[in-house]
Amino acid sequence: MQDGIISTARLALGGVATKPWRALAAEQTLVGARPGETAYTAAAREALRDARGRQFNAFKIELAQRVIVRALATVGEVP
């Protein structure tokens, strides 16, 4: 954070692939944004933009988006 703006961001997801997966597009979405639910939701959607669910796991896409927003909100609260 710099002057109330996200200056750099790193986001990786574990448990969604065979190894931790870095969400580079989501990181780029966050940089230059003001911290808050709007920015976090946009980043989460970007991180999972190309995700395709199958018959019994499609719910995981929404779940992952919610986890991303929650994690970013938690980290964003740190002074």
C-alpha atoms as a PDB file:
ATOM      1  CA  MET A   1       0.000   0.000   0.000  1.00  0.00           C
ATOM      2  CA  GLN A   2       1.134   3.474  -0.784  1.00  0.00           C
ATOM      3  CA  ASP A   3      -1.017   6.541  -0.111  1.00  0.00           C
ATOM      4  CA  GLY A   4      -4.142   4.383   0.209  1.00  0.00           C
ATOM      5  CA  ILE A   5      -3.571   2.634  -3.122  1.00  0.00           C
ATOM      6  CA  ILE A   6      -2.436  -0.950  -3.679  1.00  0.00           C
ATOM      7  CA  SER A   7       1.070  -0.591  -5.102  1.00  0.00           C
ATOM      8  CA  THR A   8       1.964  -4.242  -5.395  1.00  0.00           C
ATOM      9  CA  ALA A   9       0.144  -7.524  -4.927  1.00  0.00           C
ATOM     10  CA  ARG A  10       0.960 -11.212  -4.896  1.00  0.00           C
ATOM     11  CA  LEU A  11      -1.789 -13.815  -4.954  1.00  0.00           C
ATOM     12  CA  ALA A  12      -1.456 -17.577  -5.165  1.00  0.00           C
ATOM     13  CA  LEU A  13      -4.073 -20.266  -4.721  1.00  0.00           C
ATOM     14  CA  GLY A  14      -3.375 -23.625  -3.136  1.00  0.00           C
ATOM     15  CA  GLY A  15      -5.624 -26.634  -3.467  1.00  0.00           C
ATOM     16  CA  VAL A  16      -7.031 -25.650  -6.861  1.00  0.00           C
ATOM     17  CA  ALA A  17      -4.402 -27.369  -8.985  1.00  0.00           C
ATOM     18  CA  THR A  18      -1.623 -29.896  -8.622  1.00  0.00           C
ATOM     19  CA  LYS A  19       0.630 -27.158  -7.235  1.00  0.00           C
ATOM     20  CA  PRO A  20       0.085 -23.628  -5.915  1.00  0.00           C
ATOM     21  CA  TRP A  21      -1.176 -21.454  -8.720  1.00  0.00           C
ATOM     22  CA  ARG A  22      -0.151 -17.816  -9.004  1.00  0.00           C
ATOM     23  CA  ALA A  23      -2.986 -15.534 -10.100  1.00  0.00           C
ATOM     24  CA  LEU A  24      -1.042 -12.978 -12.119  1.00  0.00           C
ATOM     25  CA  ALA A  25      -4.085 -11.396 -13.782  1.00  0.00           C
ATOM     26  CA  ALA A  26      -5.678 -10.871 -10.374  1.00  0.00           C
ATOM     27  CA  GLU A  27      -2.495  -9.235  -9.102  1.00  0.00           C
ATOM     28  CA  GLN A  28      -2.546  -6.811 -12.030  1.00  0.00           C
ATOM     29  CA  THR A  29      -6.193  -6.012 -11.316  1.00  0.00           C
ATOM     30  CA  LEU A  30      -5.333  -5.058  -7.746  1.00  0.00           C
ATOM     31  CA  VAL A  31      -2.373  -2.800  -8.521  1.00  0.00           C
ATOM     32  CA  GLY A  32      -3.498   0.811  -8.656  1.00  0.00           C
ATOM     33  CA  ALA A  33      -6.850   0.099  -6.994  1.00  0.00           C
ATOM     34  CA  ARG A  34      -8.107   1.327  -3.665  1.00  0.00           C
ATOM     35  CA  PRO A  35      -8.439  -1.529  -1.184  1.00  0.00           C
ATOM     36  CA  GLY A  36     -11.996  -2.677  -0.656  1.00  0.00           C
ATOM     37  CA  GLU A  37     -14.588  -5.239  -1.585  1.00  0.00           C
ATOM     38  CA  THR A  38     -15.027  -3.865  -5.114  1.00  0.00           C
ATOM     39  CA  ALA A  39     -11.340  -4.281  -5.957  1.00  0.00           C
ATOM     40  CA  TYR A  40     -11.124  -7.642  -4.207  1.00  0.00           C
ATOM     41  CA  THR A  41     -14.174  -8.991  -6.032  1.00  0.00           C
ATOM     42  CA  ALA A  42     -12.800  -7.824  -9.382  1.00  0.00           C
ATOM     43  CA  ALA A  43      -9.496  -9.535  -8.639  1.00  0.00           C
ATOM     44  CA  ALA A  44     -11.243 -12.758  -7.606  1.00  0.00           C
ATOM     45  CA  ARG A  45     -13.300 -12.808 -10.793  1.00  0.00           C
ATOM     46  CA  GLU A  46     -10.186 -12.163 -12.851  1.00  0.00           C
ATOM     47  CA  ALA A  47      -8.283 -14.936 -11.066  1.00  0.00           C
ATOM     48  CA  LEU A  48     -10.950 -17.468 -12.005  1.00  0.00           C
ATOM     49  CA  ARG A  49     -12.079 -15.996 -15.322  1.00  0.00           C
ATOM     50  CA  ASP A  50     -11.011 -19.046 -17.313  1.00  0.00           C
ATOM     51  CA  ALA A  51     -12.030 -21.637 -14.718  1.00  0.00           C
ATOM     52  CA  ARG A  52     -14.438 -24.260 -15.987  1.00  0.00           C
ATOM     53  CA  GLY A  53     -16.304 -26.420 -13.536  1.00  0.00           C
ATOM     54  CA  ARG A  54     -17.381 -29.975 -14.086  1.00  0.00           C
ATOM     55  CA  GLN A  55     -20.590 -31.645 -13.034  1.00  0.00           C
ATOM     56  CA  PHE A  56     -19.661 -32.159  -9.399  1.00  0.00           C
ATOM     57  CA  ASN A  57     -17.118 -29.390  -8.765  1.00  0.00           C
ATOM     58  CA  ALA A  58     -18.528 -26.243 -10.372  1.00  0.00           C
ATOM     59  CA  PHE A  59     -19.375 -24.891  -6.907  1.00  0.00           C
ATOM     60  CA  LYS A  60     -15.656 -24.609  -6.207  1.00  0.00           C
ATOM     61  CA  ILE A  61     -15.304 -21.644  -8.559  1.00  0.00           C
ATOM     62  CA  GLU A  62     -17.665 -19.501  -6.487  1.00  0.00           C
ATOM     63  CA  LEU A  63     -16.100 -20.854  -3.303  1.00  0.00           C
ATOM     64  CA  ALA A  64     -12.604 -19.897  -4.485  1.00  0.00           C
ATOM     65  CA  GLN A  65     -13.796 -16.400  -5.390  1.00  0.00           C
ATOM     66  CA  ARG A  66     -15.234 -15.938  -1.922  1.00  0.00           C
ATOM     67  CA  VAL A  67     -12.027 -17.206  -0.318  1.00  0.00           C
ATOM     68  CA  ILE A  68      -9.970 -14.735  -2.353  1.00  0.00           C
ATOM     69  CA  VAL A  69     -12.172 -11.802  -1.362  1.00  0.00           C
ATOM     70  CA  ARG A  70     -12.055 -12.843   2.311  1.00  0.00           C
ATOM     71  CA  ALA A  71      -8.270 -13.302   2.282  1.00  0.00           C
ATOM     72  CA  LEU A  72      -7.680  -9.946   0.610  1.00  0.00           C
ATOM     73  CA  ALA A  73     -10.050  -8.225   3.040  1.00  0.00           C
ATOM     74  CA  THR A  74      -8.202  -9.788   5.954  1.00  0.00           C
ATOM     75  CA  VAL A  75      -4.794  -8.725   4.646  1.00  0.00           C
ATOM     76  CA  GLY A  76      -6.124  -5.295   3.676  1.00  0.00           C
ATOM     77  CA  GLU A  77      -7.098  -4.638   7.293  1.00  0.00           C
ATOM     78  CA  VAL A  78      -3.483  -4.826   8.433  1.00  0.00           C
ATOM     79  CA  PRO A  79      -2.099  -1.283   8.961  1.00  0.00           C
END
